[in-house]
Amino acid sequence: MSPFWADPPALPVHTQDGRPMGFTWQGVPRRIARIGQHWRVHTAWWEAREVWRDYWQVATDDAYLCVLYHDLLTGRWHLERVLE
């Protein structure tokens, strides 16, 4: 299990209706076979360092369990954690 990355890498994510369907990590396209959980975090909206993200726990078709998040302020997707 990887630790949470302090500065998680941004990555290209393919979506359908706002849900992640696949992403490319380490140069390899990964298809999402199953979405486990989805939750939203919105904190410090009153400060300059606001956080507004949708988190997705997903399983890929090549046996990775990952936590992705979509930064709703920047529009970028990030890989926060990989659980093998």
C-alpha atoms as a PDB file:
ATOM      1  CA  MET A   1       0.000   0.000   0.000  1.00  0.00           C
ATOM      2  CA  SER A   2       1.389   3.376  -0.922  1.00  0.00           C
ATOM      3  CA  PRO A   3       1.261   6.252   1.536  1.00  0.00           C
ATOM      4  CA  PHE A   4      -0.812   9.264   0.641  1.00  0.00           C
ATOM      5  CA  TRP A   5       1.312  11.413  -1.640  1.00  0.00           C
ATOM      6  CA  ALA A   6       1.791  14.937  -0.333  1.00  0.00           C
ATOM      7  CA  ASP A   7       1.770  16.280  -3.888  1.00  0.00           C
ATOM      8  CA  PRO A   8      -0.078  13.598  -5.867  1.00  0.00           C
ATOM      9  CA  PRO A   9       0.624  13.449  -9.571  1.00  0.00           C
ATOM     10  CA  ALA A  10      -1.960  14.814 -11.979  1.00  0.00           C
ATOM     11  CA  LEU A  11      -3.031  12.310 -14.588  1.00  0.00           C
ATOM     12  CA  PRO A  12      -5.344  12.023 -17.560  1.00  0.00           C
ATOM     13  CA  VAL A  13      -8.660  10.447 -16.610  1.00  0.00           C
ATOM     14  CA  HIS A  14     -11.388   9.366 -19.000  1.00  0.00           C
ATOM     15  CA  THR A  15     -14.855  10.063 -17.621  1.00  0.00           C
ATOM     16  CA  GLN A  16     -18.463   9.399 -18.487  1.00  0.00           C
ATOM     17  CA  ASP A  17     -21.147  11.525 -16.838  1.00  0.00           C
ATOM     18  CA  GLY A  18     -18.536  12.748 -14.330  1.00  0.00           C
ATOM     19  CA  ARG A  19     -17.511   9.232 -13.253  1.00  0.00           C
ATOM     20  CA  PRO A  20     -13.974   7.966 -13.894  1.00  0.00           C
ATOM     21  CA  MET A  21     -13.845   5.157 -16.465  1.00  0.00           C
ATOM     22  CA  GLY A  22     -10.087   4.858 -16.965  1.00  0.00           C
ATOM     23  CA  PHE A  23      -6.778   6.647 -16.534  1.00  0.00           C
ATOM     24  CA  THR A  24      -3.165   6.488 -17.637  1.00  0.00           C
ATOM     25  CA  TRP A  25      -0.542   5.902 -14.945  1.00  0.00           C
ATOM     26  CA  GLN A  26       3.147   5.154 -15.472  1.00  0.00           C
ATOM     27  CA  GLY A  27       2.505   5.311 -19.218  1.00  0.00           C
ATOM     28  CA  VAL A  28      -0.024   2.454 -19.065  1.00  0.00           C
ATOM     29  CA  PRO A  29      -3.744   2.918 -19.746  1.00  0.00           C
ATOM     30  CA  ARG A  30      -5.806   1.467 -16.878  1.00  0.00           C
ATOM     31  CA  ARG A  31      -9.475   0.591 -17.275  1.00  0.00           C
ATOM     32  CA  ILE A  32     -11.646   0.988 -14.193  1.00  0.00           C
ATOM     33  CA  ALA A  33     -13.458  -2.263 -13.581  1.00  0.00           C
ATOM     34  CA  ARG A  34     -15.356  -1.144 -10.472  1.00  0.00           C
ATOM     35  CA  ILE A  35     -16.020   1.951  -8.394  1.00  0.00           C
ATOM     36  CA  GLY A  36     -16.043   1.182  -4.689  1.00  0.00           C
ATOM     37  CA  GLN A  37     -16.745   4.454  -2.932  1.00  0.00           C
ATOM     38  CA  HIS A  38     -17.292   8.077  -3.850  1.00  0.00           C
ATOM     39  CA  TRP A  39     -17.191  11.019  -1.448  1.00  0.00           C
ATOM     40  CA  ARG A  40     -16.803  14.790  -1.564  1.00  0.00           C
ATOM     41  CA  VAL A  41     -14.561  16.993   0.583  1.00  0.00           C
ATOM     42  CA  HIS A  42     -15.132  20.737   0.762  1.00  0.00           C
ATOM     43  CA  THR A  43     -13.158  22.549   3.442  1.00  0.00           C
ATOM     44  CA  ALA A  44     -11.861  26.014   4.210  1.00  0.00           C
ATOM     45  CA  TRP A  45     -14.150  27.671   1.671  1.00  0.00           C
ATOM     46  CA  TRP A  46     -13.736  30.848   3.699  1.00  0.00           C
ATOM     47  CA  GLU A  47      -9.898  30.848   3.316  1.00  0.00           C
ATOM     48  CA  ALA A  48      -7.445  31.225   0.428  1.00  0.00           C
ATOM     49  CA  ARG A  49      -6.505  27.492   0.649  1.00  0.00           C
ATOM     50  CA  GLU A  50      -9.930  26.081  -0.137  1.00  0.00           C
ATOM     51  CA  VAL A  51     -10.200  22.344  -0.874  1.00  0.00           C
ATOM     52  CA  TRP A  52     -13.089  21.072  -2.979  1.00  0.00           C
ATOM     53  CA  ARG A  53     -12.653  17.549  -4.299  1.00  0.00           C
ATOM     54  CA  ASP A  54     -14.541  14.465  -5.379  1.00  0.00           C
ATOM     55  CA  TYR A  55     -12.761  11.280  -4.275  1.00  0.00           C
ATOM     56  CA  TRP A  56     -13.207   7.907  -5.968  1.00  0.00           C
ATOM     57  CA  GLN A  57     -11.971   4.531  -4.743  1.00  0.00           C
ATOM     58  CA  VAL A  58     -11.634   2.396  -7.861  1.00  0.00           C
ATOM     59  CA  ALA A  59     -10.432  -1.062  -8.871  1.00  0.00           C
ATOM     60  CA  THR A  60      -8.658  -1.424 -12.205  1.00  0.00           C
ATOM     61  CA  ASP A  61      -8.896  -4.401 -14.513  1.00  0.00           C
ATOM     62  CA  ASP A  62      -5.213  -5.156 -13.786  1.00  0.00           C
ATOM     63  CA  ALA A  63      -5.799  -5.569 -10.010  1.00  0.00           C
ATOM     64  CA  TYR A  64      -4.930  -2.150  -8.599  1.00  0.00           C
ATOM     65  CA  LEU A  65      -7.087  -0.534  -5.956  1.00  0.00           C
ATOM     66  CA  CYS A  66      -6.630   3.227  -6.231  1.00  0.00           C
ATOM     67  CA  VAL A  67      -7.908   6.451  -4.770  1.00  0.00           C
ATOM     68  CA  LEU A  68      -8.350   9.178  -7.363  1.00  0.00           C
ATOM     69  CA  TYR A  69      -9.623  12.650  -6.777  1.00  0.00           C
ATOM     70  CA  HIS A  70     -11.002  15.322  -9.046  1.00  0.00           C
ATOM     71  CA  ASP A  71     -10.019  18.807  -7.897  1.00  0.00           C
ATOM     72  CA  LEU A  72     -13.195  20.753  -8.571  1.00  0.00           C
ATOM     73  CA  LEU A  73     -11.368  24.085  -8.350  1.00  0.00           C
ATOM     74  CA  THR A  74      -8.715  23.319 -11.001  1.00  0.00           C
ATOM     75  CA  GLY A  75     -10.505  20.597 -12.989  1.00  0.00           C
ATOM     76  CA  ARG A  76      -7.464  18.292 -12.691  1.00  0.00           C
ATOM     77  CA  TRP A  77      -7.526  14.648 -11.653  1.00  0.00           C
ATOM     78  CA  HIS A  78      -4.910  13.197  -9.289  1.00  0.00           C
ATOM     79  CA  LEU A  79      -3.859   9.753  -8.152  1.00  0.00           C
ATOM     80  CA  GLU A  80      -3.674   9.976  -4.362  1.00  0.00           C
ATOM     81  CA  ARG A  81      -2.992   6.389  -3.393  1.00  0.00           C
ATOM     82  CA  VAL A  82      -2.434   2.929  -4.842  1.00  0.00           C
ATOM     83  CA  LEU A  83      -3.222  -0.223  -2.889  1.00  0.00           C
ATOM     84  CA  GLU A  84      -1.869  -3.347  -4.576  1.00  0.00           C
END
